[in-house]
Amino acid sequence: AGEYYQLHETLWKELHPATLMENIQAAEIITAAWRLHRCA
Protein backbone atom coordinates (compact mmCIF):
# COMPACT_ATOMS: atom_id res chain seq x y z
CA ALA A 1 0.00 0.00 0.00
CA GLY A 2 2.72 2.52 0.90
CA GLU A 3 4.64 1.89 -2.30
CA TYR A 4 1.47 2.13 -4.40
CA TYR A 5 0.35 5.44 -2.90
CA GLN A 6 3.82 6.92 -3.30
CA LEU A 7 3.86 5.96 -7.00
CA HIS A 8 0.31 7.28 -7.40
CA GLU A 9 1.07 10.65 -5.79
CA THR A 10 4.35 11.11 -7.65
CA LEU A 11 2.85 10.39 -11.07
CA TRP A 12 -0.26 12.48 -10.37
CA LYS A 13 1.91 15.50 -9.53
CA GLU A 14 4.07 14.91 -12.59
CA LEU A 15 1.09 14.58 -14.96
CA HIS A 16 -0.94 17.36 -13.21
CA PRO A 17 -4.21 16.73 -15.07
CA ALA A 18 -6.39 19.84 -15.37
CA THR A 19 -9.69 18.51 -16.75
CA LEU A 20 -11.91 15.48 -16.20
CA MET A 21 -10.73 13.82 -19.42
CA GLU A 22 -7.11 14.42 -18.44
CA ASN A 23 -7.86 12.86 -15.03
CA ILE A 24 -9.12 9.71 -16.75
CA GLN A 25 -6.00 9.38 -18.90
CA ALA A 26 -3.71 10.08 -15.93
CA ALA A 27 -5.44 7.30 -13.98
CA GLU A 28 -4.85 4.91 -16.91
CA ILE A 29 -1.15 5.82 -16.97
CA ILE A 30 -0.88 5.16 -13.23
CA THR A 31 -2.63 1.78 -13.60
CA ALA A 32 -0.19 0.80 -16.36
CA ALA A 33 2.81 1.95 -14.30
CA TRP A 34 1.68 -0.08 -11.28
CA ARG A 35 1.13 -3.17 -13.42
CA LEU A 36 4.63 -2.84 -14.86
CA HIS A 37 5.95 -2.51 -11.31
CA ARG A 38 4.14 -5.73 -10.33
CA CYS A 39 5.59 -7.50 -13.38
CA ALA A 40 9.10 -6.63 -12.22
All heavy atoms as atom14 arrays in JSON, in Angstrom:
{
  "sequence": "AGEYYQLHETLWKELHPATLMENIQAAEIITAAWRLHRCA",
  "atom14_mask": [
    [1, 1, 1, 1, 1, 0, 0, 0, 0, 0, 0, 0, 0, 0],
    [1, 1, 1, 1, 0, 0, 0, 0, 0, 0, 0, 0, 0, 0],
    [1, 1, 1, 1, 1, 1, 1, 1, 1, 0, 0, 0, 0, 0],
    [1, 1, 1, 1, 1, 1, 1, 1, 1, 1, 1, 1, 0, 0],
    [1, 1, 1, 1, 1, 1, 1, 1, 1, 1, 1, 1, 0, 0],
    [1, 1, 1, 1, 1, 1, 1, 1, 1, 0, 0, 0, 0, 0],
    [1, 1, 1, 1, 1, 1, 1, 1, 0, 0, 0, 0, 0, 0],
    [1, 1, 1, 1, 1, 1, 1, 1, 1, 1, 0, 0, 0, 0],
    [1, 1, 1, 1, 1, 1, 1, 1, 1, 0, 0, 0, 0, 0],
    [1, 1, 1, 1, 1, 1, 1, 0, 0, 0, 0, 0, 0, 0],
    [1, 1, 1, 1, 1, 1, 1, 1, 0, 0, 0, 0, 0, 0],
    [1, 1, 1, 1, 1, 1, 1, 1, 1, 1, 1, 1, 1, 1],
    [1, 1, 1, 1, 1, 1, 1, 1, 1, 0, 0, 0, 0, 0],
    [1, 1, 1, 1, 1, 1, 1, 1, 1, 0, 0, 0, 0, 0],
    [1, 1, 1, 1, 1, 1, 1, 1, 0, 0, 0, 0, 0, 0],
    [1, 1, 1, 1, 1, 1, 1, 1, 1, 1, 0, 0, 0, 0],
    [1, 1, 1, 1, 1, 1, 1, 0, 0, 0, 0, 0, 0, 0],
    [1, 1, 1, 1, 1, 0, 0, 0, 0, 0, 0, 0, 0, 0],
    [1, 1, 1, 1, 1, 1, 1, 0, 0, 0, 0, 0, 0, 0],
    [1, 1, 1, 1, 1, 1, 1, 1, 0, 0, 0, 0, 0, 0],
    [1, 1, 1, 1, 1, 1, 1, 1, 0, 0, 0, 0, 0, 0],
    [1, 1, 1, 1, 1, 1, 1, 1, 1, 0, 0, 0, 0, 0],
    [1, 1, 1, 1, 1, 1, 1, 1, 0, 0, 0, 0, 0, 0],
    [1, 1, 1, 1, 1, 1, 1, 1, 0, 0, 0, 0, 0, 0],
    [1, 1, 1, 1, 1, 1, 1, 1, 1, 0, 0, 0, 0, 0],
    [1, 1, 1, 1, 1, 0, 0, 0, 0, 0, 0, 0, 0, 0],
    [1, 1, 1, 1, 1, 0, 0, 0, 0, 0, 0, 0, 0, 0],
    [1, 1, 1, 1, 1, 1, 1, 1, 1, 0, 0, 0, 0, 0],
    [1, 1, 1, 1, 1, 1, 1, 1, 0, 0, 0, 0, 0, 0],
    [1, 1, 1, 1, 1, 1, 1, 1, 0, 0, 0, 0, 0, 0],
    [1, 1, 1, 1, 1, 1, 1, 0, 0, 0, 0, 0, 0, 0],
    [1, 1, 1, 1, 1, 0, 0, 0, 0, 0, 0, 0, 0, 0],
    [1, 1, 1, 1, 1, 0, 0, 0, 0, 0, 0, 0, 0, 0],
    [1, 1, 1, 1, 1, 1, 1, 1, 1, 1, 1, 1, 1, 1],
    [1, 1, 1, 1, 1, 1, 1, 1, 1, 1, 1, 0, 0, 0],
    [1, 1, 1, 1, 1, 1, 1, 1, 0, 0, 0, 0, 0, 0],
    [1, 1, 1, 1, 1, 1, 1, 1, 1, 1, 0, 0, 0, 0],
    [1, 1, 1, 1, 1, 1, 1, 1, 1, 1, 1, 0, 0, 0],
    [1, 1, 1, 1, 1, 1, 0, 0, 0, 0, 0, 0, 0, 0],
    [1, 1, 1, 1, 1, 0, 0, 0, 0, 0, 0, 0, 0, 0]
  ],
  "atom14_positions": [
    [[0.82, -1.21, 0.0], [0.0, 0.0, 0.0], [0.86, 1.27, 0.0], [0.6, 2.2, -0.78], [-0.94, 0.0, 1.19], [0.0, 0.0, 0.0], [0.0, 0.0, 0.0], [0.0, 0.0, 0.0], [0.0, 0.0, 0.0], [0.0, 0.0, 0.0], [0.0, 0.0, 0.0], [0.0, 0.0, 0.0], [0.0, 0.0, 0.0], [0.0, 0.0, 0.0]],
    [[1.88, 1.32, 0.84], [2.72, 2.52, 0.9], [3.42, 2.79, -0.42], [3.48, 3.94, -0.89], [0.0, 0.0, 0.0], [0.0, 0.0, 0.0], [0.0, 0.0, 0.0], [0.0, 0.0, 0.0], [0.0, 0.0, 0.0], [0.0, 0.0, 0.0], [0.0, 0.0, 0.0], [0.0, 0.0, 0.0], [0.0, 0.0, 0.0], [0.0, 0.0, 0.0]],
    [[3.94, 1.74, -1.02], [4.64, 1.89, -2.3], [3.68, 2.34, -3.4], [4.02, 3.18, -4.23], [5.27, 0.53, -2.67], [6.35, 0.61, -3.7], [7.07, -0.73, -3.85], [6.67, -1.72, -3.21], [8.03, -0.76, -4.62], [0.0, 0.0, 0.0], [0.0, 0.0, 0.0], [0.0, 0.0, 0.0], [0.0, 0.0, 0.0], [0.0, 0.0, 0.0]],
    [[2.47, 1.78, -3.38], [1.47, 2.13, -4.4], [1.08, 3.61, -4.28], [1.04, 4.32, -5.27], [0.24, 1.25, -4.25], [-0.91, 1.67, -5.14], [-0.9, 1.41, -6.5], [-2.0, 2.36, -4.62], [-1.93, 1.82, -7.32], [-3.04, 2.77, -5.42], [-3.0, 2.49, -6.78], [-4.04, 2.9, -7.58], [0.0, 0.0, 0.0], [0.0, 0.0, 0.0]],
    [[0.79, 4.05, -3.06], [0.35, 5.44, -2.9], [1.47, 6.42, -3.21], [1.22, 7.52, -3.71], [-0.2, 5.64, -1.49], [-1.53, 4.96, -1.3], [-1.69, 3.96, -0.36], [-2.62, 5.3, -2.1], [-2.9, 3.31, -0.21], [-3.84, 4.65, -1.96], [-3.98, 3.66, -1.01], [-5.18, 3.02, -0.87], [0.0, 0.0, 0.0], [0.0, 0.0, 0.0]],
    [[2.7, 6.04, -2.95], [3.82, 6.92, -3.3], [3.93, 7.06, -4.82], [4.12, 8.15, -5.35], [5.13, 6.36, -2.73], [6.33, 7.25, -3.02], [7.62, 6.71, -2.44], [7.64, 5.64, -1.83], [8.7, 7.43, -2.62], [0.0, 0.0, 0.0], [0.0, 0.0, 0.0], [0.0, 0.0, 0.0], [0.0, 0.0, 0.0], [0.0, 0.0, 0.0]],
    [[3.82, 5.92, -5.54], [3.86, 5.96, -7.0], [2.69, 6.78, -7.54], [2.85, 7.6, -8.45], [3.82, 4.53, -7.56], [3.85, 4.39, -9.08], [4.73, 3.21, -9.48], [2.46, 4.18, -9.65], [0.0, 0.0, 0.0], [0.0, 0.0, 0.0], [0.0, 0.0, 0.0], [0.0, 0.0, 0.0], [0.0, 0.0, 0.0], [0.0, 0.0, 0.0]],
    [[1.51, 6.57, -6.95], [0.31, 7.28, -7.4], [0.48, 8.79, -7.23], [0.22, 9.57, -8.16], [-0.9, 6.78, -6.6], [-2.21, 7.31, -7.11], [-2.63, 8.6, -6.87], [-3.18, 6.71, -7.84], [-3.81, 8.78, -7.43], [-4.16, 7.66, -8.02], [0.0, 0.0, 0.0], [0.0, 0.0, 0.0], [0.0, 0.0, 0.0], [0.0, 0.0, 0.0]],
    [[0.92, 9.22, -6.06], [1.07, 10.65, -5.79], [2.15, 11.28, -6.66], [1.97, 12.39, -7.18], [1.41, 10.87, -4.31], [0.27, 10.57, -3.36], [-0.95, 11.44, -3.62], [-0.79, 12.66, -3.79], [-2.06, 10.89, -3.68], [0.0, 0.0, 0.0], [0.0, 0.0, 0.0], [0.0, 0.0, 0.0], [0.0, 0.0, 0.0], [0.0, 0.0, 0.0]],
    [[3.26, 10.57, -6.84], [4.35, 11.11, -7.65], [3.92, 11.31, -9.1], [4.15, 12.37, -9.69], [5.58, 10.18, -7.59], [5.98, 10.01, -6.23], [6.74, 10.74, -8.4], [0.0, 0.0, 0.0], [0.0, 0.0, 0.0], [0.0, 0.0, 0.0], [0.0, 0.0, 0.0], [0.0, 0.0, 0.0], [0.0, 0.0, 0.0], [0.0, 0.0, 0.0]],
    [[3.28, 10.29, -9.68], [2.85, 10.39, -11.07], [1.74, 11.43, -11.23], [1.71, 12.14, -12.23], [2.37, 9.03, -11.58], [3.46, 8.06, -12.0], [2.87, 6.72, -12.41], [4.28, 8.63, -13.16], [0.0, 0.0, 0.0], [0.0, 0.0, 0.0], [0.0, 0.0, 0.0], [0.0, 0.0, 0.0], [0.0, 0.0, 0.0], [0.0, 0.0, 0.0]],
    [[0.84, 11.51, -10.27], [-0.26, 12.48, -10.37], [0.29, 13.9, -10.38], [-0.16, 14.74, -11.15], [-1.23, 12.29, -9.21], [-2.54, 12.96, -9.45], [-2.94, 14.2, -9.02], [-3.64, 12.44, -10.21], [-4.21, 14.47, -9.46], [-4.67, 13.41, -10.18], [-3.85, 11.24, -10.89], [-5.9, 13.22, -10.82], [-5.07, 11.05, -11.52], [-6.07, 12.02, -11.49]],
    [[1.3, 14.17, -9.55], [1.91, 15.5, -9.53], [2.66, 15.76, -10.84], [2.68, 16.89, -11.34], [2.85, 15.63, -8.35], [2.14, 15.77, -7.01], [3.13, 15.83, -5.86], [2.41, 15.89, -4.53], [3.35, 15.85, -3.39], [0.0, 0.0, 0.0], [0.0, 0.0, 0.0], [0.0, 0.0, 0.0], [0.0, 0.0, 0.0], [0.0, 0.0, 0.0]],
    [[3.31, 14.74, -11.36], [4.07, 14.91, -12.59], [3.15, 15.15, -13.79], [3.44, 15.98, -14.65], [4.92, 13.66, -12.84], [5.82, 13.74, -14.04], [6.68, 12.51, -14.21], [7.05, 11.9, -13.18], [6.99, 12.15, -15.35], [0.0, 0.0, 0.0], [0.0, 0.0, 0.0], [0.0, 0.0, 0.0], [0.0, 0.0, 0.0], [0.0, 0.0, 0.0]],
    [[2.03, 14.44, -13.84], [1.09, 14.58, -14.96], [0.19, 15.8, -14.8], [-0.31, 16.33, -15.8], [0.23, 13.31, -15.09], [1.0, 12.02, -15.4], [0.11, 10.81, -15.25], [1.6, 12.07, -16.81], [0.0, 0.0, 0.0], [0.0, 0.0, 0.0], [0.0, 0.0, 0.0], [0.0, 0.0, 0.0], [0.0, 0.0, 0.0], [0.0, 0.0, 0.0]],
    [[-0.06, 16.23, -13.57], [-0.94, 17.36, -13.21], [-2.11, 17.53, -14.18], [-2.18, 18.52, -14.91], [-0.13, 18.67, -13.03], [0.65, 19.09, -14.25], [1.9, 18.62, -14.53], [0.36, 19.96, -15.25], [2.35, 19.16, -15.64], [1.43, 19.99, -16.1], [0.0, 0.0, 0.0], [0.0, 0.0, 0.0], [0.0, 0.0, 0.0], [0.0, 0.0, 0.0]],
    [[-3.04, 16.59, -14.19], [-4.21, 16.73, -15.07], [-5.07, 17.92, -14.65], [-5.23, 18.2, -13.46], [-4.97, 15.41, -14.89], [-4.52, 14.9, -13.56], [-3.12, 15.36, -13.37], [0.0, 0.0, 0.0], [0.0, 0.0, 0.0], [0.0, 0.0, 0.0], [0.0, 0.0, 0.0], [0.0, 0.0, 0.0], [0.0, 0.0, 0.0], [0.0, 0.0, 0.0]],
    [[-5.63, 18.63, -15.65], [-6.39, 19.84, -15.37], [-7.88, 19.69, -15.64], [-8.66, 20.5, -15.15], [-5.83, 21.0, -16.2], [0.0, 0.0, 0.0], [0.0, 0.0, 0.0], [0.0, 0.0, 0.0], [0.0, 0.0, 0.0], [0.0, 0.0, 0.0], [0.0, 0.0, 0.0], [0.0, 0.0, 0.0], [0.0, 0.0, 0.0], [0.0, 0.0, 0.0]],
    [[-8.27, 18.69, -16.41], [-9.69, 18.51, -16.75], [-10.1, 17.08, -16.41], [-9.25, 16.23, -16.09], [-9.94, 18.76, -18.24], [-9.23, 17.76, -19.01], [-9.44, 20.14, -18.67], [0.0, 0.0, 0.0], [0.0, 0.0, 0.0], [0.0, 0.0, 0.0], [0.0, 0.0, 0.0], [0.0, 0.0, 0.0], [0.0, 0.0, 0.0], [0.0, 0.0, 0.0]],
    [[-11.41, 16.81, -16.49], [-11.91, 15.48, -16.2], [-11.33, 14.45, -17.15], [-10.91, 13.36, -16.73], [-13.45, 15.47, -16.27], [-14.12, 14.12, -16.04], [-13.77, 13.56, -14.67], [-15.62, 14.23, -16.2], [0.0, 0.0, 0.0], [0.0, 0.0, 0.0], [0.0, 0.0, 0.0], [0.0, 0.0, 0.0], [0.0, 0.0, 0.0], [0.0, 0.0, 0.0]],
    [[-11.28, 14.76, -18.44], [-10.73, 13.82, -19.42], [-9.24, 13.58, -19.16], [-8.76, 12.46, -19.31], [-10.95, 14.35, -20.84], [-12.38, 14.3, -21.3], [-13.07, 12.64, -21.29], [-12.08, 11.85, -22.56], [0.0, 0.0, 0.0], [0.0, 0.0, 0.0], [0.0, 0.0, 0.0], [0.0, 0.0, 0.0], [0.0, 0.0, 0.0], [0.0, 0.0, 0.0]],
    [[-8.53, 14.6, -18.77], [-7.11, 14.42, -18.44], [-6.96, 13.56, -17.18], [-6.03, 12.76, -17.08], [-6.44, 15.78, -18.24], [-6.23, 16.55, -19.53], [-5.48, 17.85, -19.33], [-4.91, 18.06, -18.24], [-5.46, 18.66, -20.27], [0.0, 0.0, 0.0], [0.0, 0.0, 0.0], [0.0, 0.0, 0.0], [0.0, 0.0, 0.0], [0.0, 0.0, 0.0]],
    [[-7.88, 13.71, -16.22], [-7.86, 12.86, -15.03], [-7.99, 11.39, -15.4], [-7.31, 10.53, -14.84], [-9.0, 13.24, -14.09], [-8.74, 14.53, -13.34], [-7.63, 15.07, -13.39], [-9.73, 15.04, -12.66], [0.0, 0.0, 0.0], [0.0, 0.0, 0.0], [0.0, 0.0, 0.0], [0.0, 0.0, 0.0], [0.0, 0.0, 0.0], [0.0, 0.0, 0.0]],
    [[-8.89, 11.1, -16.33], [-9.12, 9.71, -16.75], [-7.85, 9.13, -17.37], [-7.46, 8.0, -17.07], [-10.3, 9.64, -17.74], [-11.61, 10.0, -17.02], [-10.4, 8.26, -18.39], [-12.79, 10.2, -17.93], [0.0, 0.0, 0.0], [0.0, 0.0, 0.0], [0.0, 0.0, 0.0], [0.0, 0.0, 0.0], [0.0, 0.0, 0.0], [0.0, 0.0, 0.0]],
    [[-7.21, 9.88, -18.25], [-6.0, 9.38, -18.9], [-4.84, 9.25, -17.91], [-4.05, 8.32, -17.99], [-5.61, 10.29, -20.07], [-6.65, 10.37, -21.18], [-7.08, 9.02, -21.69], [-6.26, 8.11, -21.85], [-8.37, 8.86, -21.93], [0.0, 0.0, 0.0], [0.0, 0.0, 0.0], [0.0, 0.0, 0.0], [0.0, 0.0, 0.0], [0.0, 0.0, 0.0]],
    [[-4.76, 10.18, -16.95], [-3.71, 10.08, -15.93], [-3.91, 8.83, -15.08], [-2.94, 8.15, -14.73], [-3.72, 11.33, -15.05], [0.0, 0.0, 0.0], [0.0, 0.0, 0.0], [0.0, 0.0, 0.0], [0.0, 0.0, 0.0], [0.0, 0.0, 0.0], [0.0, 0.0, 0.0], [0.0, 0.0, 0.0], [0.0, 0.0, 0.0], [0.0, 0.0, 0.0]],
    [[-5.16, 8.51, -14.75], [-5.44, 7.3, -13.98], [-5.05, 6.05, -14.77], [-4.53, 5.08, -14.18], [-6.93, 7.25, -13.61], [0.0, 0.0, 0.0], [0.0, 0.0, 0.0], [0.0, 0.0, 0.0], [0.0, 0.0, 0.0], [0.0, 0.0, 0.0], [0.0, 0.0, 0.0], [0.0, 0.0, 0.0], [0.0, 0.0, 0.0], [0.0, 0.0, 0.0]],
    [[-5.26, 6.05, -16.07], [-4.85, 4.91, -16.91], [-3.33, 4.76, -16.91], [-2.82, 3.64, -16.85], [-5.36, 5.12, -18.34], [-6.86, 5.03, -18.5], [-7.36, 3.61, -18.4], [-7.17, 2.84, -19.34], [-7.92, 3.26, -17.34], [0.0, 0.0, 0.0], [0.0, 0.0, 0.0], [0.0, 0.0, 0.0], [0.0, 0.0, 0.0], [0.0, 0.0, 0.0]],
    [[-2.62, 5.87, -16.98], [-1.15, 5.82, -16.97], [-0.65, 5.25, -15.64], [0.27, 4.43, -15.6], [-0.57, 7.21, -17.22], [-0.88, 7.67, -18.65], [0.93, 7.25, -16.97], [-0.57, 9.11, -18.94], [0.0, 0.0, 0.0], [0.0, 0.0, 0.0], [0.0, 0.0, 0.0], [0.0, 0.0, 0.0], [0.0, 0.0, 0.0], [0.0, 0.0, 0.0]],
    [[-1.28, 5.65, -14.55], [-0.88, 5.16, -13.23], [-1.16, 3.66, -13.11], [-0.33, 2.9, -12.57], [-1.6, 5.95, -12.12], [-1.07, 7.39, -12.1], [-1.42, 5.3, -10.76], [-1.87, 8.34, -11.26], [0.0, 0.0, 0.0], [0.0, 0.0, 0.0], [0.0, 0.0, 0.0], [0.0, 0.0, 0.0], [0.0, 0.0, 0.0], [0.0, 0.0, 0.0]],
    [[-2.31, 3.21, -13.62], [-2.63, 1.78, -13.6], [-1.58, 0.98, -14.37], [-1.1, -0.06, -13.91], [-4.02, 1.54, -14.22], [-5.01, 2.12, -13.36], [-4.32, 0.06, -14.4], [0.0, 0.0, 0.0], [0.0, 0.0, 0.0], [0.0, 0.0, 0.0], [0.0, 0.0, 0.0], [0.0, 0.0, 0.0], [0.0, 0.0, 0.0], [0.0, 0.0, 0.0]],
    [[-1.2, 1.48, -15.55], [-0.19, 0.8, -16.36], [1.16, 0.78, -15.64], [1.86, -0.25, -15.65], [-0.06, 1.48, -17.72], [0.0, 0.0, 0.0], [0.0, 0.0, 0.0], [0.0, 0.0, 0.0], [0.0, 0.0, 0.0], [0.0, 0.0, 0.0], [0.0, 0.0, 0.0], [0.0, 0.0, 0.0], [0.0, 0.0, 0.0], [0.0, 0.0, 0.0]],
    [[1.53, 1.88, -15.01], [2.81, 1.95, -14.3], [2.84, 0.97, -13.13], [3.85, 0.29, -12.9], [3.06, 3.37, -13.8], [0.0, 0.0, 0.0], [0.0, 0.0, 0.0], [0.0, 0.0, 0.0], [0.0, 0.0, 0.0], [0.0, 0.0, 0.0], [0.0, 0.0, 0.0], [0.0, 0.0, 0.0], [0.0, 0.0, 0.0], [0.0, 0.0, 0.0]],
    [[1.73, 0.86, -12.4], [1.68, -0.08, -11.28], [1.75, -1.52, -11.77], [2.39, -2.37, -11.17], [0.42, 0.15, -10.45], [0.31, -0.8, -9.3], [-0.6, -1.8, -9.13], [1.17, -0.86, -8.15], [-0.36, -2.47, -7.95], [0.72, -1.91, -7.33], [2.28, -0.13, -7.75], [1.34, -2.24, -6.14], [2.89, -0.45, -6.55], [2.43, -1.49, -5.76]],
    [[1.1, -1.8, -12.88], [1.13, -3.17, -13.42], [2.54, -3.53, -13.87], [3.0, -4.66, -13.66], [0.15, -3.29, -14.58], [-0.13, -4.71, -15.01], [-1.4, -4.81, -15.81], [-2.55, -4.51, -14.98], [-3.8, -4.5, -15.42], [-4.05, -4.76, -16.69], [-4.79, -4.23, -14.62], [0.0, 0.0, 0.0], [0.0, 0.0, 0.0], [0.0, 0.0, 0.0]],
    [[3.24, -2.59, -14.47], [4.63, -2.84, -14.86], [5.5, -3.07, -13.62], [6.4, -3.91, -13.63], [5.17, -1.66, -15.67], [4.6, -1.51, -17.09], [5.02, -0.19, -17.69], [5.01, -2.67, -17.97], [0.0, 0.0, 0.0], [0.0, 0.0, 0.0], [0.0, 0.0, 0.0], [0.0, 0.0, 0.0], [0.0, 0.0, 0.0], [0.0, 0.0, 0.0]],
    [[5.22, -2.32, -12.56], [5.95, -2.51, -11.31], [5.7, -3.91, -10.75], [6.63, -4.58, -10.28], [5.5, -1.45, -10.31], [6.08, -1.62, -8.96], [7.39, -1.28, -8.66], [5.56, -2.14, -7.81], [7.63, -1.55, -7.39], [6.55, -2.07, -6.85], [0.0, 0.0, 0.0], [0.0, 0.0, 0.0], [0.0, 0.0, 0.0], [0.0, 0.0, 0.0]],
    [[4.46, -4.38, -10.82], [4.14, -5.73, -10.33], [4.83, -6.8, -11.19], [5.26, -7.82, -10.69], [2.64, -5.95, -10.31], [1.94, -5.19, -9.19], [0.54, -5.71, -8.95], [0.53, -7.12, -8.55], [0.85, -7.56, -7.34], [1.21, -6.7, -6.41], [0.82, -8.85, -7.07], [0.0, 0.0, 0.0], [0.0, 0.0, 0.0], [0.0, 0.0, 0.0]],
    [[4.91, -6.55, -12.49], [5.59, -7.5, -13.38], [7.04, -7.67, -12.93], [7.55, -8.8, -12.85], [5.55, -7.01, -14.82], [3.94, -7.18, -15.62], [0.0, 0.0, 0.0], [0.0, 0.0, 0.0], [0.0, 0.0, 0.0], [0.0, 0.0, 0.0], [0.0, 0.0, 0.0], [0.0, 0.0, 0.0], [0.0, 0.0, 0.0], [0.0, 0.0, 0.0]],
    [[7.7, -6.56, -12.64], [9.1, -6.63, -12.22], [9.23, -7.39, -10.9], [10.13, -8.21, -10.72], [9.67, -5.22, -12.09], [0.0, 0.0, 0.0], [0.0, 0.0, 0.0], [0.0, 0.0, 0.0], [0.0, 0.0, 0.0], [0.0, 0.0, 0.0], [0.0, 0.0, 0.0], [0.0, 0.0, 0.0], [0.0, 0.0, 0.0], [0.0, 0.0, 0.0]]
  ]
}
